[in-house]
Amino acid sequence: MQTSMIFGNQRKLGLLFRERFTSEENVSLTVDAVVNTDNCSFQGRGCVFKRFEANNGMMTHVLDKVDIGGAYSTDNDDFLATARARKTWSVGKGNRTASLKVGGEAEINTNQKVEARGRVELSTKLMNFTDEQDLKLKLGYGHKRIGVSNQFLKGPYGCIRENNWSLMTDFKDFVEVKYDL
């Protein structure tokens, strides 16, 4: 189980718990929960997805992965049917490589309201930034989920990750610091 402490200007100190179970048939169940230490409120999300990977043929030029499934979130108390897809390209050569990831998803709730979101991310790893430290930098534009909620950052965002620490921001109002326990 992944356990983290989260602190940001959007909420008080929170404890994040996440567990993922994956079968041999590429079906995954992910359960996330955040407990707010200020008022002991709880926010949870459960997702079940079947992953289809484009291993060969024409689809590898268009998509890497497609996930079909559903999710339930306590913050809107609704079941969502979800389809999401992603394509990743390597950019650069040698030790100076980065990855460019383009993704999109569409969700439909029980009232048949459809929401579509997308994002593009450029990320790179700086291996051995210091003797025992790797650094991962990510810049993105689009919709990025905040924690386990149904709230999203919209527009530009960035993330710096070092082993157990990460800092995410939208460069305006939102800042979140996360420490993996």
Protein backbone atom coordinates (compact mmCIF):
# COMPACT_ATOMS: atom_id res chain seq x y z
CA MET A 1 0.00 0.00 0.00
CA GLN A 2 1.25 3.45 -0.90
CA THR A 3 0.95 5.97 1.92
CA SER A 4 1.72 9.68 1.61
CA MET A 5 1.33 12.95 3.44
CA ILE A 6 -0.10 15.80 1.34
CA PHE A 7 -0.04 19.48 2.19
CA GLY A 8 -1.33 22.23 -0.05
CA ASN A 9 -3.15 25.52 -0.13
CA GLN A 10 -6.34 23.70 -1.20
CA ARG A 11 -6.61 21.66 2.03
CA LYS A 12 -4.94 21.04 5.36
CA LEU A 13 -2.51 18.20 5.93
CA GLY A 14 -3.94 15.00 4.48
CA LEU A 15 -2.98 11.35 4.59
CA LEU A 16 -3.26 9.58 1.23
CA PHE A 17 -3.69 5.82 1.05
CA ARG A 18 -3.57 4.01 -2.30
CA GLU A 19 -3.65 0.36 -3.25
CA ARG A 20 -3.65 -1.13 -6.74
CA PHE A 21 -4.46 -4.72 -7.63
CA THR A 22 -3.70 -5.96 -11.16
CA SER A 23 -4.65 -9.29 -12.72
CA GLU A 24 -2.88 -11.21 -15.47
CA GLU A 25 -5.66 -10.13 -17.86
CA ASN A 26 -4.67 -6.42 -17.46
CA VAL A 27 -7.64 -5.61 -15.23
CA SER A 28 -6.74 -3.26 -12.40
CA LEU A 29 -8.58 -2.12 -9.30
CA THR A 30 -7.30 1.04 -7.65
CA VAL A 31 -8.60 2.34 -4.34
CA ASP A 32 -7.52 5.81 -3.11
CA ALA A 33 -8.50 7.64 0.06
CA VAL A 34 -7.49 10.92 1.67
CA VAL A 35 -8.13 11.64 5.34
CA ASN A 36 -8.01 15.33 6.24
CA THR A 37 -6.14 15.59 9.56
CA ASP A 38 -7.78 18.94 10.36
CA ASN A 39 -11.38 17.71 10.59
CA CYS A 40 -11.05 13.94 9.96
CA SER A 41 -13.14 14.15 6.79
CA PHE A 42 -12.75 11.35 4.26
CA GLN A 43 -12.59 11.43 0.49
CA GLY A 44 -12.35 8.22 -1.53
CA ARG A 45 -12.25 6.95 -5.08
CA GLY A 46 -12.35 3.44 -6.53
CA CYS A 47 -11.56 2.59 -10.17
CA VAL A 48 -11.72 -0.61 -12.19
CA PHE A 49 -10.13 -0.62 -15.65
CA LYS A 50 -9.37 -3.11 -18.38
CA ARG A 51 -6.21 -2.08 -20.24
CA PHE A 52 -5.70 -2.73 -23.92
CA GLU A 53 -2.17 -2.20 -25.21
CA ALA A 54 -1.27 -1.61 -28.84
CA ASN A 55 1.60 -4.07 -29.21
CA ASN A 56 1.84 -4.21 -32.98
CA GLY A 57 0.28 -3.01 -36.20
CA MET A 58 -1.07 0.38 -37.20
CA MET A 59 -2.42 1.22 -33.74
CA THR A 60 1.10 1.62 -32.30
CA HIS A 61 1.47 4.79 -34.39
CA VAL A 62 -1.71 6.24 -32.88
CA LEU A 63 -2.05 4.87 -29.32
CA ASP A 64 -0.02 3.06 -26.67
CA LYS A 65 -2.78 2.22 -24.23
CA VAL A 66 -6.55 2.35 -23.96
CA ASP A 67 -8.35 1.84 -20.64
CA ILE A 68 -12.07 1.09 -20.38
CA GLY A 69 -13.79 0.94 -17.02
CA GLY A 70 -15.59 2.73 -14.28
CA ALA A 71 -15.02 4.75 -11.14
CA TYR A 72 -16.88 5.79 -8.03
CA SER A 73 -15.95 8.92 -6.08
CA THR A 74 -17.29 9.97 -2.69
CA ASP A 75 -17.05 13.70 -3.43
CA ASN A 76 -19.82 13.58 -6.05
CA ASP A 77 -21.44 10.26 -4.99
CA ASP A 78 -21.79 9.06 -8.57
CA PHE A 79 -20.62 6.18 -10.73
CA LEU A 80 -18.68 7.16 -13.86
CA ALA A 81 -18.07 5.03 -16.94
CA THR A 82 -14.69 6.00 -18.35
CA ALA A 83 -12.64 5.55 -21.51
CA ARG A 84 -9.11 6.91 -21.67
CA ALA A 85 -6.24 6.67 -24.13
CA ARG A 86 -2.58 7.65 -24.16
CA LYS A 87 0.33 7.94 -26.57
CA THR A 88 3.95 8.54 -25.51
CA TRP A 89 6.94 9.51 -27.63
CA SER A 90 10.61 9.70 -26.68
CA VAL A 91 12.26 13.03 -27.47
CA GLY A 92 16.02 13.54 -27.63
CA LYS A 93 19.03 11.23 -27.70
CA GLY A 94 21.38 9.61 -25.22
CA ASN A 95 21.23 10.82 -21.63
CA ARG A 96 19.18 13.87 -22.59
CA THR A 97 15.93 12.11 -23.41
CA ALA A 98 12.48 13.26 -22.43
CA SER A 99 9.04 11.86 -23.02
CA LEU A 100 6.08 13.60 -24.56
CA LYS A 101 2.77 12.13 -23.42
CA VAL A 102 -0.63 13.00 -24.90
CA GLY A 103 -3.74 11.66 -23.22
CA GLY A 104 -7.46 12.05 -23.20
CA GLU A 105 -10.45 10.66 -21.38
CA ALA A 106 -14.20 10.82 -21.50
CA GLU A 107 -16.52 10.07 -18.60
CA ILE A 108 -20.27 9.65 -18.51
CA ASN A 109 -22.19 9.72 -15.24
CA THR A 110 -25.51 8.13 -14.30
CA ASN A 111 -27.37 11.22 -15.57
CA GLN A 112 -25.70 10.68 -18.98
CA LYS A 113 -23.64 13.85 -18.70
CA VAL A 114 -20.39 13.45 -20.65
CA GLU A 115 -17.16 15.19 -19.65
CA ALA A 116 -14.10 15.07 -21.89
CA ARG A 117 -10.61 16.02 -20.76
CA GLY A 118 -7.15 15.95 -22.26
CA ARG A 119 -3.58 16.90 -21.50
CA VAL A 120 -0.09 16.95 -22.89
CA GLU A 121 2.99 16.44 -20.69
CA LEU A 122 6.71 16.78 -21.27
CA SER A 123 8.83 15.02 -18.65
CA THR A 124 12.47 14.21 -18.12
CA LYS A 125 14.58 12.47 -15.48
CA LEU A 126 17.86 13.83 -14.21
CA MET A 127 19.59 10.67 -12.99
CA ASN A 128 22.14 11.11 -10.19
CA PHE A 129 21.21 14.77 -9.72
CA THR A 130 23.20 14.37 -6.51
CA ASP A 131 24.95 11.23 -5.23
CA GLU A 132 21.78 9.50 -4.01
CA GLN A 133 19.12 11.59 -5.66
CA ASP A 134 17.26 11.43 -8.95
CA LEU A 135 15.05 14.29 -10.07
CA LYS A 136 12.01 14.11 -12.34
CA LEU A 137 10.66 17.28 -13.98
CA LYS A 138 7.25 17.48 -15.62
CA LEU A 139 5.50 20.32 -17.45
CA GLY A 140 1.99 19.90 -18.72
CA TYR A 141 -1.03 21.62 -20.14
CA GLY A 142 -4.62 20.47 -19.88
CA HIS A 143 -6.54 18.68 -17.14
CA LYS A 144 -4.64 17.16 -14.19
CA ARG A 145 -6.57 15.45 -11.37
CA ILE A 146 -6.05 16.89 -7.88
CA GLY A 147 -5.57 14.01 -5.44
CA VAL A 148 -8.49 11.57 -5.40
CA SER A 149 -11.14 14.22 -6.04
CA ASN A 150 -13.12 15.02 -9.15
CA GLN A 151 -11.41 18.41 -9.29
CA PHE A 152 -8.85 19.12 -11.98
CA LEU A 153 -6.15 21.69 -12.59
CA LYS A 154 -6.96 23.30 -15.93
CA GLY A 155 -4.22 24.95 -17.95
CA PRO A 156 -0.46 24.81 -17.38
CA TYR A 157 1.00 22.84 -14.48
CA GLY A 158 4.37 21.58 -13.33
CA CYS A 159 5.78 18.95 -11.02
CA ILE A 160 9.22 18.35 -9.52
CA ARG A 161 9.79 14.93 -7.93
CA GLU A 162 12.78 13.78 -5.90
CA ASN A 163 12.78 10.22 -4.56
CA ASN A 164 10.05 10.64 -1.86
CA TRP A 165 9.16 14.33 -2.26
CA SER A 166 7.11 16.02 -4.96
CA LEU A 167 5.89 19.55 -5.55
CA MET A 168 3.03 20.26 -7.95
CA THR A 169 1.76 23.69 -8.99
CA ASP A 170 -0.41 25.42 -11.57
CA PHE A 171 1.96 28.45 -11.46
CA LYS A 172 -0.88 30.65 -10.10
CA ASP A 173 -3.01 29.55 -7.15
CA PHE A 174 -2.43 25.86 -6.52
CA VAL A 175 0.58 24.37 -4.71
CA GLU A 176 0.76 20.85 -3.28
CA VAL A 177 3.65 19.13 -1.50
CA LYS A 178 3.58 15.35 -1.19
CA TYR A 179 5.86 13.06 0.82
CA ASP A 180 5.73 9.29 0.28
CA LEU A 181 6.06 7.37 3.55
